[in-house]
Protein backbone atom coordinates (compact mmCIF):
# COMPACT_ATOMS: atom_id res chain seq x y z
CA MET A 1 -30.73 -21.20 -9.85
CA ILE A 2 -27.10 -20.05 -9.33
CA THR A 3 -25.12 -23.17 -9.76
CA GLY A 4 -21.79 -24.09 -8.34
CA ALA A 5 -20.08 -23.90 -11.96
CA VAL A 6 -21.91 -20.01 -12.31
CA LEU A 7 -20.62 -18.72 -9.01
CA ARG A 8 -17.12 -20.56 -9.47
CA ASP A 9 -16.55 -18.54 -12.97
CA ALA A 10 -18.03 -15.42 -11.65
CA ILE A 11 -15.73 -15.43 -8.64
CA ILE A 12 -12.70 -16.15 -11.39
CA SER A 13 -14.30 -13.24 -13.56
CA ALA A 14 -14.05 -10.87 -10.41
CA SER A 15 -10.32 -11.98 -9.74
CA ASN A 16 -9.40 -11.04 -13.51
CA ASN A 17 -11.37 -7.78 -13.37
CA ILE A 18 -9.40 -6.68 -10.00
CA THR A 19 -6.27 -7.66 -11.91
CA ASN A 20 -7.02 -5.75 -15.03
CA HIS A 21 -7.74 -2.82 -13.14
CA ARG A 22 -5.12 -3.11 -10.35
CA GLN A 23 -2.94 0.01 -10.76
CA GLU A 24 -5.69 2.25 -11.17
CA VAL A 25 -7.03 0.75 -7.65
CA ASP A 26 -3.57 1.35 -6.47
CA SER A 27 -3.43 5.19 -7.59
CA LEU A 28 -6.36 5.99 -5.34
CA ASN A 29 -4.11 5.91 -2.45
CA VAL A 30 -4.93 8.99 -0.11
CA PHE A 31 -0.75 9.83 0.18
CA PRO A 32 1.45 9.43 -3.18
CA VAL A 33 3.90 7.11 -1.36
CA PRO A 34 5.21 4.46 -3.29
CA ASP A 35 3.36 1.63 -0.75
CA GLY A 36 -0.47 2.39 -2.31
CA ASP A 37 -0.80 -1.12 -2.68
CA THR A 38 -4.74 -1.58 -2.25
CA GLY A 39 -5.54 -2.64 -5.95
CA THR A 40 -2.21 -5.21 -5.54
CA ASN A 41 -3.51 -6.67 -2.33
CA MET A 42 -6.86 -7.14 -3.54
CA CYS A 43 -6.14 -8.52 -6.50
CA MET A 44 -3.66 -11.08 -5.01
CA THR A 45 -6.16 -11.96 -2.45
CA MET A 46 -8.51 -12.77 -4.90
CA ASP A 47 -5.88 -14.83 -7.12
CA SER A 48 -5.74 -17.11 -4.22
CA ALA A 49 -9.28 -17.88 -4.50
CA ALA A 50 -9.24 -18.03 -8.33
CA ARG A 51 -6.26 -20.69 -8.59
CA GLU A 52 -8.04 -23.02 -6.54
CA LEU A 53 -11.58 -22.39 -8.00
CA ALA A 54 -10.14 -23.15 -11.76
CA VAL A 55 -9.59 -27.05 -10.90
CA LEU A 56 -13.31 -27.67 -9.86
CA PRO A 57 -15.39 -29.54 -11.87
CA ASP A 58 -18.75 -28.35 -13.22
CA ASP A 59 -20.98 -30.12 -11.33
CA VAL A 60 -19.78 -28.73 -7.85
CA THR A 61 -21.96 -27.55 -5.53
CA ILE A 62 -22.41 -23.94 -4.75
CA SER A 63 -21.46 -24.12 -1.03
CA ALA A 64 -18.24 -26.12 -2.27
CA VAL A 65 -17.33 -23.26 -4.30
CA ALA A 66 -18.50 -20.82 -1.52
CA LYS A 67 -15.96 -22.79 1.18
CA THR A 68 -13.35 -23.13 -0.95
CA THR A 69 -13.22 -19.39 -1.90
CA SER A 70 -13.41 -18.55 1.54
CA SER A 71 -10.61 -20.85 2.67
CA ALA A 72 -8.12 -19.56 0.14
CA MET A 73 -9.04 -16.17 0.88
CA LEU A 74 -8.71 -16.49 4.40
CA ARG A 75 -5.14 -17.87 3.93
CA GLY A 76 -4.06 -15.33 0.83
CA ALA A 77 -5.40 -12.20 2.52
CA ARG A 78 -2.79 -9.42 2.25
CA GLY A 79 -3.31 -5.75 3.57
CA ASN A 80 -6.20 -4.60 5.30
CA SER A 81 -8.26 -4.36 2.10
CA GLY A 82 -7.26 -7.75 1.25
CA VAL A 83 -8.69 -9.13 4.78
CA ILE A 84 -11.78 -7.12 4.37
CA LEU A 85 -12.36 -8.52 0.82
CA SER A 86 -11.79 -12.08 2.57
CA LEU A 87 -14.44 -11.24 5.23
CA ILE A 88 -17.13 -10.52 2.99
CA PHE A 89 -16.65 -13.73 0.96
CA ARG A 90 -16.33 -15.68 4.16
CA GLY A 91 -19.95 -14.19 5.34
CA ILE A 92 -20.93 -15.54 1.69
CA SER A 93 -19.82 -18.75 2.31
CA LYS A 94 -21.81 -19.06 5.64
CA GLY A 95 -24.80 -17.85 3.70
CA LEU A 96 -24.69 -20.60 0.87
CA LYS A 97 -23.35 -23.33 3.40
CA GLY A 98 -25.01 -26.68 2.48
CA LYS A 99 -26.57 -25.74 -0.61
CA ASP A 100 -26.15 -27.43 -4.02
CA GLU A 101 -27.78 -24.33 -5.90
CA ALA A 102 -29.05 -20.84 -4.85
CA GLU A 103 -31.64 -18.46 -5.81
CA PRO A 104 -30.91 -14.98 -6.04
CA ARG A 105 -32.60 -14.11 -2.80
CA ASP A 106 -30.18 -16.83 -1.10
CA LEU A 107 -26.86 -15.05 -2.57
CA LEU A 108 -28.49 -11.78 -1.43
CA LEU A 109 -28.89 -12.92 2.16
CA ALA A 110 -25.13 -14.48 2.03
CA LEU A 111 -23.97 -10.97 0.70
CA SER A 112 -25.53 -9.32 3.97
CA TYR A 113 -23.64 -12.20 6.15
CA GLY A 114 -20.53 -10.86 4.56
CA VAL A 115 -21.23 -7.22 5.58
CA GLU A 116 -21.87 -8.43 8.96
CA SER A 117 -18.35 -10.26 9.10
CA ALA A 118 -16.62 -7.61 7.91
CA TYR A 119 -18.14 -5.16 10.34
CA LYS A 120 -17.44 -7.30 13.06
CA ALA A 121 -13.77 -8.11 11.98
CA VAL A 122 -12.85 -4.32 12.49
CA MET A 123 -12.39 -2.56 15.86
CA LYS A 124 -13.73 0.52 14.74
CA PRO A 125 -15.14 0.41 11.62
CA THR A 126 -14.99 3.80 9.13
CA GLU A 127 -17.24 4.85 7.31
CA GLY A 128 -16.10 6.45 3.83
CA THR A 129 -14.38 2.95 2.90
CA ILE A 130 -15.09 -0.85 1.40
CA LEU A 131 -17.34 -1.39 4.44
CA THR A 132 -19.54 1.37 3.64
CA VAL A 133 -19.40 0.27 -0.05
CA VAL A 134 -20.61 -3.32 0.66
CA ARG A 135 -22.86 -2.28 3.06
CA LEU A 136 -24.82 0.00 0.95
CA ALA A 137 -24.39 -2.42 -1.81
CA ALA A 138 -26.39 -5.29 -0.06
CA ARG A 139 -28.95 -2.91 1.32
CA ASP A 140 -29.82 -1.70 -2.49
CA GLY A 141 -29.71 -5.42 -3.79
CA ALA A 142 -31.93 -6.87 -0.96
CA ALA A 143 -34.32 -3.44 -1.80
CA TYR A 144 -34.76 -4.10 -5.27
CA GLY A 145 -35.01 -8.17 -4.75
CA SER A 146 -38.06 -7.43 -2.42
CA GLU A 147 -39.79 -5.38 -5.19
CA HIS A 148 -38.96 -7.91 -8.26
CA LYS A 149 -39.33 -11.27 -6.23
CA GLU A 150 -39.36 -12.79 -9.86
CA ALA A 151 -36.02 -11.18 -10.99
CA ASP A 152 -33.17 -13.26 -12.08
CA ILE A 153 -29.81 -12.90 -10.41
CA ALA A 154 -28.51 -10.92 -13.41
CA GLU A 155 -31.04 -8.08 -12.36
CA VAL A 156 -30.66 -8.64 -8.84
CA TRP A 157 -26.57 -8.29 -8.93
CA GLU A 158 -26.67 -5.06 -11.63
CA ALA A 159 -28.80 -3.33 -8.23
CA VAL A 160 -25.84 -4.78 -6.09
CA CYS A 161 -23.46 -3.26 -8.70
CA ILE A 162 -25.35 0.24 -8.93
CA GLY A 163 -25.77 0.17 -5.32
CA ALA A 164 -21.80 -0.01 -4.62
CA GLU A 165 -20.85 2.22 -7.36
CA GLU A 166 -23.28 5.05 -5.57
CA ALA A 167 -21.90 4.37 -2.13
CA LEU A 168 -18.49 4.94 -3.57
CA GLU A 169 -19.18 8.51 -5.08
CA THR A 170 -20.32 9.18 -1.47
CA THR A 171 -17.03 8.03 0.16
CA PRO A 172 -15.10 11.67 -0.06
CA GLU A 173 -18.04 13.14 2.19
CA LEU A 174 -17.68 10.70 4.82
CA LEU A 175 -14.52 10.52 5.01
CA PRO A 176 -12.46 13.95 5.03
CA VAL A 177 -9.02 12.95 4.00
CA LEU A 178 -10.49 11.04 0.90
CA LYS A 179 -12.04 14.77 -0.02
CA LYS A 180 -8.73 16.84 0.98
CA ALA A 181 -6.74 14.17 -1.38
CA GLY A 182 -9.64 14.43 -4.14
CA VAL A 183 -10.02 10.65 -4.05
CA ILE A 184 -12.47 7.84 -3.77
CA ASP A 185 -12.01 5.13 -1.51
CA SER A 186 -9.18 2.53 -2.94
CA GLY A 187 -10.62 -0.62 -1.57
CA GLY A 188 -14.48 0.53 -2.11
CA LYS A 189 -13.26 0.86 -5.84
CA GLY A 190 -11.58 -2.42 -5.93
CA LEU A 191 -15.27 -4.04 -4.84
CA CYS A 192 -16.91 -2.56 -7.41
CA TYR A 193 -14.62 -4.13 -9.85
CA ALA A 194 -15.06 -7.45 -8.41
CA PHE A 195 -18.94 -6.95 -8.37
CA ARG A 196 -18.81 -6.02 -11.80
CA GLY A 197 -16.69 -8.92 -12.93
CA MET A 198 -19.06 -11.29 -10.89
CA LEU A 199 -22.12 -9.61 -13.21
CA SER A 200 -20.46 -10.45 -16.60
CA VAL A 201 -20.88 -14.07 -15.82
CA PHE A 202 -24.45 -13.52 -14.45
CA GLU A 203 -25.50 -11.74 -17.24
CA GLY A 204 -23.82 -14.72 -19.57
CA ASN A 205 -21.31 -12.77 -20.87
CA GLY A 206 -18.69 -15.27 -19.64
CA ILE A 207 -15.44 -14.71 -17.82
CA ILE A 208 -14.00 -11.20 -18.21
CA ALA A 209 -10.44 -12.14 -19.85
CA ASN A 210 -6.99 -11.29 -17.47
CA GLU A 211 -5.35 -8.55 -19.61
CA ALA A 212 -1.99 -9.52 -18.54
CA ASP A 213 -2.53 -12.97 -20.52
CA GLY A 214 -4.35 -11.33 -23.61
CA ASP A 215 -1.11 -8.70 -23.39
CA ALA A 216 1.04 -12.01 -23.69
CA ALA A 217 -0.92 -13.34 -26.55
CA LYS A 218 -0.47 -10.41 -28.51
CA LYS A 219 3.73 -10.57 -28.27
CA LYS A 220 3.62 -14.05 -28.97
CA ASP A 221 5.80 -13.64 -32.12
CA ASP A 222 8.96 -11.68 -29.90
CA LEU A 223 8.97 -13.28 -26.60
CA PRO A 224 11.79 -13.48 -23.93
CA GLU A 225 13.80 -16.60 -23.29
CA GLU A 226 11.83 -17.30 -19.86
CA GLU A 227 8.66 -16.63 -21.38
CA VAL A 228 9.32 -19.04 -24.57
CA ILE A 229 10.02 -21.90 -21.98
CA LYS A 230 6.87 -21.11 -20.22
CA LYS A 231 4.40 -21.10 -23.16
CA TYR A 232 5.61 -23.42 -25.23
CA ASP A 233 6.68 -27.26 -25.59
CA TYR A 234 9.30 -27.48 -28.17
CA ARG A 235 12.32 -25.78 -29.64
CA LEU A 236 12.50 -26.54 -32.78
CA GLU A 237 15.56 -25.88 -35.61
CA TYR A 238 15.79 -27.49 -39.21
CA LYS A 239 17.60 -26.92 -42.70
CA ILE A 240 15.43 -27.04 -45.95
CA LYS A 241 17.29 -27.20 -49.39
CA ARG A 242 14.62 -25.06 -51.05
CA ASN A 243 13.23 -25.57 -54.50
CA GLU A 244 13.32 -21.96 -56.30
CA ASN A 245 9.40 -21.91 -56.90
CA LYS A 246 8.22 -22.33 -53.25
CA ASN A 247 6.90 -19.19 -51.64
CA VAL A 248 8.67 -18.22 -48.31
CA PRO A 249 6.79 -15.71 -47.30
CA THR A 250 3.54 -17.78 -46.81
CA LEU A 251 5.42 -20.25 -44.87
CA LYS A 252 6.86 -17.22 -42.30
CA ALA A 253 2.95 -16.33 -42.05
CA TYR A 254 2.02 -19.64 -41.13
CA LEU A 255 4.72 -19.98 -38.36
CA LYS A 256 4.08 -17.10 -36.79
CA SER A 257 0.65 -18.28 -36.46
CA VAL A 258 2.03 -21.67 -34.65
CA GLY A 259 4.69 -20.45 -33.05
CA ALA A 260 6.78 -17.57 -31.42
CA ASN A 261 10.27 -16.13 -32.42
CA VAL A 262 10.19 -17.42 -35.78
CA LYS A 263 13.76 -16.91 -37.47
CA VAL A 264 14.17 -17.65 -41.00
CA LYS A 265 17.68 -17.51 -42.94
CA GLU A 266 18.89 -18.42 -46.03
CA LYS A 267 22.19 -18.98 -47.77
CA ASP A 268 23.37 -20.90 -50.90
CA GLY A 269 20.23 -22.09 -51.37
CA ILE A 270 19.83 -23.76 -47.79
CA MET A 271 16.95 -22.01 -45.45
CA THR A 272 17.52 -22.75 -41.88
CA VAL A 273 14.30 -22.11 -39.48
CA ALA A 274 14.06 -21.96 -35.91
CA LEU A 275 11.03 -21.14 -33.79
CA ALA A 276 9.28 -21.90 -30.74
CA THR A 277 5.81 -24.11 -31.06
CA ASP A 278 3.56 -26.84 -29.41
CA GLU A 279 3.07 -28.12 -33.20
CA PRO A 280 6.39 -29.64 -34.53
CA GLY A 281 4.67 -32.31 -36.40
CA PRO A 282 2.82 -29.93 -38.66
CA VAL A 283 5.40 -27.21 -38.64
CA MET A 284 8.14 -29.91 -40.51
CA VAL A 285 5.25 -30.95 -43.05
CA GLU A 286 4.81 -27.60 -43.74
CA ALA A 287 8.48 -27.05 -44.09
CA MET A 288 9.01 -29.88 -46.55
CA LYS A 289 6.49 -28.55 -49.20
CA LEU A 290 9.35 -26.08 -49.56
CA GLY A 291 12.14 -28.53 -50.46
CA THR A 292 14.16 -31.24 -49.09
CA LEU A 293 14.75 -31.37 -45.20
CA ILE A 294 18.34 -31.74 -44.66
CA GLY A 295 18.79 -31.84 -40.82
CA SER A 296 16.45 -30.70 -37.66
CA GLU A 297 16.63 -30.40 -33.96
CA ILE A 298 13.96 -30.86 -31.60
CA GLU A 299 14.42 -29.55 -27.80
CA ASN A 300 11.57 -30.55 -25.27
CA LEU A 301 10.85 -27.65 -22.97
CA ASN A 302 8.79 -29.48 -21.21
CA LEU A 303 11.90 -31.28 -19.54
CA MET A 304 13.32 -27.84 -19.01
CA ARG A 305 10.54 -26.60 -17.23
CA GLU A 306 10.65 -29.52 -14.90
CA GLU A 307 14.19 -28.92 -13.89
CA GLU A 308 13.58 -25.39 -13.00
CA ARG A 309 10.37 -26.14 -11.08
CA LYS A 310 12.93 -28.55 -9.45
CA ALA A 311 15.67 -26.05 -8.85
CA GLU A 312 12.85 -23.31 -7.60
CA ILE A 313 11.65 -25.89 -4.85
CA ASN A 314 14.86 -26.56 -4.26
CA ALA A 315 16.19 -22.88 -4.05
CA LYS A 316 12.80 -22.09 -1.94
CA ALA A 317 13.27 -24.73 0.47
CA GLY A 318 15.79 -22.92 2.79
CA ASP A 319 13.24 -20.15 3.34
CA ARG A 320 10.24 -22.41 4.22
CA HIS A 321 8.94 -22.33 7.61
CA GLU A 322 8.13 -26.01 8.55
CA PRO A 323 6.14 -26.65 11.85
CA VAL A 324 8.14 -27.67 14.98
CA GLU A 325 7.11 -28.69 18.63
CA PRO A 326 6.47 -25.95 20.94
CA VAL A 327 8.88 -26.60 23.21
CA ASN A 328 9.42 -23.25 24.99
CA GLU A 329 6.71 -20.87 26.58
CA ILE A 330 7.06 -17.97 24.33
CA GLY A 331 8.29 -16.87 21.14
CA PHE A 332 8.32 -14.05 18.72
CA VAL A 333 7.46 -13.42 15.30
CA ALA A 334 8.34 -10.07 13.48
CA VAL A 335 7.50 -8.83 9.86
CA ALA A 336 10.45 -6.88 8.50
CA ALA A 337 12.02 -6.02 4.98
CA GLY A 338 15.66 -5.52 4.71
CA ASP A 339 18.76 -7.71 5.81
CA GLY A 340 19.60 -4.86 8.55
CA LEU A 341 16.17 -4.88 10.11
CA LYS A 342 16.16 -8.95 9.91
CA GLN A 343 19.42 -9.13 11.67
CA MET A 344 18.03 -6.65 14.31
CA PHE A 345 15.27 -8.34 15.41
CA GLU A 346 16.69 -11.79 15.44
CA GLU A 347 19.57 -10.13 17.70
CA ILE A 348 17.08 -8.99 19.86
CA GLY A 349 15.09 -12.41 20.22
CA ALA A 350 12.94 -12.79 17.37
CA ASP A 351 12.72 -16.49 16.37
CA LEU A 352 11.41 -15.88 12.86
CA VAL A 353 11.06 -12.55 10.70
CA VAL A 354 8.68 -12.89 7.82
CA SER A 355 9.76 -10.77 4.61
CA GLY A 356 7.55 -7.58 4.36
CA GLY A 357 6.40 -4.03 5.25
CA GLN A 358 5.98 -1.42 2.24
CA THR A 359 4.93 -2.45 -1.00
CA MET A 360 5.25 -6.18 0.10
CA ASN A 361 2.47 -7.39 2.82
CA PRO A 362 2.57 -10.79 3.74
CA SER A 363 -0.41 -12.99 3.45
CA THR A 364 -2.12 -14.48 6.52
CA GLU A 365 -0.65 -17.95 5.84
CA ASP A 366 2.69 -16.31 5.50
CA ILE A 367 2.34 -15.30 8.75
CA LEU A 368 0.36 -18.48 10.06
CA ASN A 369 3.38 -20.84 8.73
CA ALA A 370 5.59 -18.52 10.60
CA VAL A 371 4.02 -18.90 14.11
CA GLU A 372 3.65 -22.78 13.65
CA ALA A 373 7.50 -23.00 12.91
CA THR A 374 7.96 -20.98 16.21
CA PRO A 375 9.21 -23.41 19.18
CA ALA A 376 6.53 -21.68 21.70
CA LYS A 377 3.52 -22.50 22.76
CA THR A 378 2.58 -18.40 22.83
CA VAL A 379 3.74 -16.37 20.14
CA PHE A 380 3.72 -12.77 19.96
CA VAL A 381 3.19 -11.70 16.33
CA LEU A 382 4.45 -7.95 15.47
CA PRO A 383 3.34 -6.76 12.12
CA ASN A 384 5.15 -3.58 12.24
CA ASN A 385 2.94 -2.08 9.52
CA LYS A 386 -0.50 -0.80 10.00
CA ASN A 387 -1.46 -2.48 7.03
CA ILE A 388 -0.30 -6.08 7.98
CA ILE A 389 -2.06 -5.97 11.37
CA MET A 390 -5.53 -7.54 10.11
CA ALA A 391 -3.66 -10.16 8.39
CA ALA A 392 -1.68 -11.21 11.33
CA GLU A 393 -4.88 -10.99 13.47
CA GLN A 394 -6.65 -13.34 11.10
CA SER A 395 -3.72 -16.05 11.71
CA ALA A 396 -4.59 -16.43 15.53
CA PRO A 397 -7.70 -18.50 15.34
CA LEU A 398 -6.08 -20.57 12.36
CA SER A 399 -3.01 -21.45 14.62
CA SER A 400 -2.43 -24.18 16.87
CA ARG A 401 -0.55 -21.71 19.41
CA ASN A 402 -1.66 -18.98 21.59
CA VAL A 403 -1.29 -16.18 19.56
CA ILE A 404 -0.89 -12.23 20.78
CA VAL A 405 -0.90 -9.83 17.88
CA LEU A 406 1.05 -6.45 19.25
CA PRO A 407 -0.26 -3.68 17.33
CA THR A 408 2.89 -2.20 16.15
CA MET A 409 2.59 0.20 13.30
CA SER A 410 6.47 0.33 12.53
CA VAL A 411 9.72 -1.01 12.89
CA PRO A 412 11.01 1.26 15.72
CA GLN A 413 7.63 0.20 17.54
CA GLY A 414 8.36 -3.42 17.04
CA ILE A 415 11.81 -3.19 18.00
CA THR A 416 10.96 -1.02 21.40
CA ALA A 417 8.19 -3.79 22.12
CA MET A 418 10.42 -6.75 22.26
CA MET A 419 13.41 -4.43 23.77
CA ASN A 420 10.43 -4.37 27.03
CA TYR A 421 9.97 -8.12 27.25
CA ASP A 422 11.11 -9.12 30.78
CA PRO A 423 11.46 -13.05 30.77
CA ASP A 424 10.44 -12.83 34.55
CA MET A 425 7.12 -11.17 34.01
CA SER A 426 3.87 -13.06 32.97
CA ILE A 427 2.28 -13.51 29.50
CA ASP A 428 -0.38 -10.72 30.34
CA ASP A 429 1.85 -8.59 32.24
CA ASN A 430 4.40 -8.66 29.21
CA HIS A 431 1.81 -8.07 26.79
CA LEU A 432 0.33 -4.99 28.79
CA ALA A 433 4.00 -3.69 29.32
CA MET A 434 4.90 -4.07 25.73
CA LYS A 435 1.84 -2.21 24.32
CA LYS A 436 2.47 0.53 26.91
CA ALA A 437 6.10 0.74 25.49
CA ILE A 438 5.24 1.17 21.82
CA ASP A 439 2.73 4.16 22.64
CA ASN A 440 6.28 5.98 23.80
CA VAL A 441 8.01 5.38 19.99
CA GLY A 442 7.96 8.13 17.42
CA THR A 443 8.89 7.02 14.14
CA ALA A 444 9.75 9.09 11.12
CA GLN A 445 10.22 7.88 7.66
CA VAL A 446 11.58 9.47 4.91
CA THR A 447 10.34 8.21 1.12
CA PHE A 448 9.52 9.81 -2.14
CA ALA A 449 6.44 10.94 -4.00
CA ALA A 450 5.12 7.97 -6.44
CA ARG A 451 2.91 10.86 -8.25
CA ASP A 452 2.17 14.14 -8.55
CA SER A 453 -0.44 15.31 -5.63
CA LEU A 454 -1.60 17.93 -3.39
CA ILE A 455 -0.77 17.39 0.40
CA ASP A 456 -2.54 19.83 2.55
CA GLY A 457 -3.13 22.02 -0.38
CA LYS A 458 0.50 22.09 -1.34
CA ALA A 459 1.55 20.71 -4.71
CA VAL A 460 3.70 17.58 -4.35
CA LYS A 461 6.12 16.52 -7.71
CA GLN A 462 6.41 13.04 -8.57
CA GLY A 463 9.93 12.16 -6.92
CA GLN A 464 9.83 14.83 -4.26
CA ILE A 465 11.08 13.72 -1.01
CA LEU A 466 8.73 13.34 1.63
CA GLY A 467 9.02 13.21 5.73
CA MET A 468 6.10 11.17 7.69
CA GLU A 469 5.75 11.45 11.14
CA ASN A 470 3.96 8.65 12.66
CA GLY A 471 2.64 7.71 9.17
CA SER A 472 1.30 11.46 8.12
CA ILE A 473 3.18 13.26 5.80
CA THR A 474 4.52 16.50 7.56
CA VAL A 475 7.94 17.31 5.21
CA ILE A 476 7.93 18.28 1.69
CA GLU A 477 11.77 18.26 0.79
CA ASP A 478 14.18 17.79 -2.34
CA ASP A 479 17.11 16.29 -0.19
CA ILE A 480 16.46 13.20 1.65
CA VAL A 481 18.77 13.98 4.76
CA ASP A 482 16.92 17.61 5.11
CA ALA A 483 13.84 15.69 4.87
CA ALA A 484 14.68 13.39 7.41
CA PHE A 485 16.31 15.82 10.08
CA LYS A 486 13.25 18.06 9.67
CA THR A 487 10.80 15.08 10.44
CA THR A 488 12.65 13.66 13.14
CA LYS A 489 13.20 17.24 14.90
CA HIS A 490 9.20 17.51 14.95
CA LEU A 491 9.30 14.23 16.79
CA CYS A 492 11.57 15.40 19.31
CA LYS A 493 10.59 16.25 23.08
CA LYS A 494 11.97 17.25 26.13
CA ALA A 495 11.96 13.70 27.34
CA THR A 496 13.65 12.09 24.17
CA GLU A 497 16.89 9.94 25.11
CA TYR A 498 17.15 8.00 22.31
CA ILE A 499 17.23 8.12 18.58
CA THR A 500 18.03 5.34 16.34
CA ILE A 501 18.61 5.99 12.52
CA PHE A 502 18.14 3.04 10.31
CA TYR A 503 19.07 3.65 6.32
CA GLY A 504 18.05 1.88 3.31
CA GLU A 505 17.37 1.93 -0.09
CA GLY A 506 18.77 5.33 -1.59
CA ALA A 507 20.65 6.53 1.41
CA THR A 508 24.33 5.90 1.67
CA GLU A 509 26.28 5.24 4.96
CA GLU A 510 27.84 8.93 4.04
CA ASP A 511 23.95 10.57 4.06
CA ALA A 512 23.59 8.15 7.22
CA ALA A 513 26.64 9.93 9.24
CA LYS A 514 25.46 13.50 8.13
CA LEU A 515 22.13 13.03 9.58
CA GLU A 516 23.44 12.00 12.42
CA GLU A 517 25.57 14.69 13.06
CA MET A 518 22.95 17.34 12.18
CA ILE A 519 20.87 15.60 15.07
CA LYS A 520 23.90 15.50 17.46
CA ASP A 521 24.56 19.22 16.90
CA LYS A 522 21.11 20.01 17.45
CA TYR A 523 20.38 17.73 20.61
CA LYS A 524 23.62 17.59 22.60
CA ASP A 525 21.83 15.23 25.37
CA ILE A 526 20.13 12.69 22.87
CA GLU A 527 22.06 9.55 22.55
CA VAL A 528 22.05 8.69 18.41
CA THR A 529 23.04 5.24 16.77
CA VAL A 530 23.01 4.43 13.34
CA LEU A 531 22.40 1.44 12.02
CA PRO A 532 22.25 -0.12 8.31
CA GLY A 533 18.56 -1.25 7.82
CA GLY A 534 18.65 -2.66 3.82
CA GLN A 535 15.17 -1.66 3.86
CA PRO A 536 13.45 -1.10 0.36
CA VAL A 537 11.19 2.14 -0.55
CA TYR A 538 12.32 4.28 2.55
CA HIS A 539 15.35 6.11 2.33
CA PHE A 540 15.53 6.46 6.55
CA ILE A 541 13.33 4.84 9.25
CA ILE A 542 14.10 6.58 12.33
CA SER A 543 13.10 5.60 16.03
CA VAL A 544 12.48 8.58 18.55
CA GLU A 545 12.21 7.57 22.28
């Protein structure tokens, strides 16, 4: 039987295993752009559950563990991969509902519910993704369980893991874009690491350790100030008049075993010792074996931590979105990164702007909090990024408002949607009009290659400039202005009337002015506007209408 404590530890282990391989999963992104963050999104989604599970007692029921996991992951889900992962565990929670303990077949059935939940949530399920991996993993686990009815959970889950890994290897054959890029599906790879993390506990090998914690422990003897405050309870300094025949190296070795940032100096027979430690008493006792204590100072770092915590809470208070009464009929929540883009959305009517976009996908809870803080009965949410749409959609059933998610895949689409809102029209008519409007917007984006890669057979070196047309890389250049001009030119049509250039990180006002001049020279009848977007990662985001 699988107890609640076992499943709790298995999910914590899964979270740690994804975290340990986060960068590897991130690197499997099809395009070499700097926002390949599948691994990051998955580990942050799972970590939201691991934090809540860590405080559950050993006598917790398996149903309570599954419910806690589902709820935490739903609220903490980031990016499409994180949302799908949360849906898998939502289905597992459904299958384990009401159970104190579970048999292996119960967990297999629950996993099949997870597959069903994930597929239902995706409007157009694509094979060759995490969906394929979880479906075939559940199938192979169920087949093994049927053939080996007395098998324990370790044997059954090993079959699940093998099924997932074999399915992962087929993803390039099912999805041409993966094959062209020479990679396997990143979300599927992350899921394999999660399942292997669970297996470690089921096999009796315990929770896989978070390697980040291990790395910090290895460097305990040389920590930066902020880490000292975070990890230790006391900072201690004392002076000893040393007896000549006492062994100082032995003391140093002891101090390093119980503390960090150990410093020992001696002058005129007086030895000064400083360190951070959790054990000031034993340290002082050991020190006095060398001679006579002539002075000491002890600083309680717990008090410093508490002051820092209060300061952090106060600093964040201004950014928190507190729920408000829905006094208006219509409101808007937009997602954008960069002061200029945030200001733009606020000027055209957004009630709240959630910070996020490339490399920083907000969670479902982030979006939900913004919706609840919008004083409107119906709230339109503009994700403005294809990897945020699913998280936004998950906020709708959790909200007390009527939430309508417009599938805006870029900032220009979000701006156009809001510009086409008509307060004299009904909600349904506005919804339809805004959806139609975003279809007429072309988006050019200019960023840099985060790694060496191949794009349509062309070699791309890390640091080269990439031009993207509506999400597809079409231009490879060495200059951001040239890349922006070529990408924009590809999107211009006879009917194009407006071009808006938002310049961000890595682009100057002079770069933007040069690009504006090049476009005006080429297209005499198109109105061009230049605005500071302040967006990270992307040098230019350009709207073509």
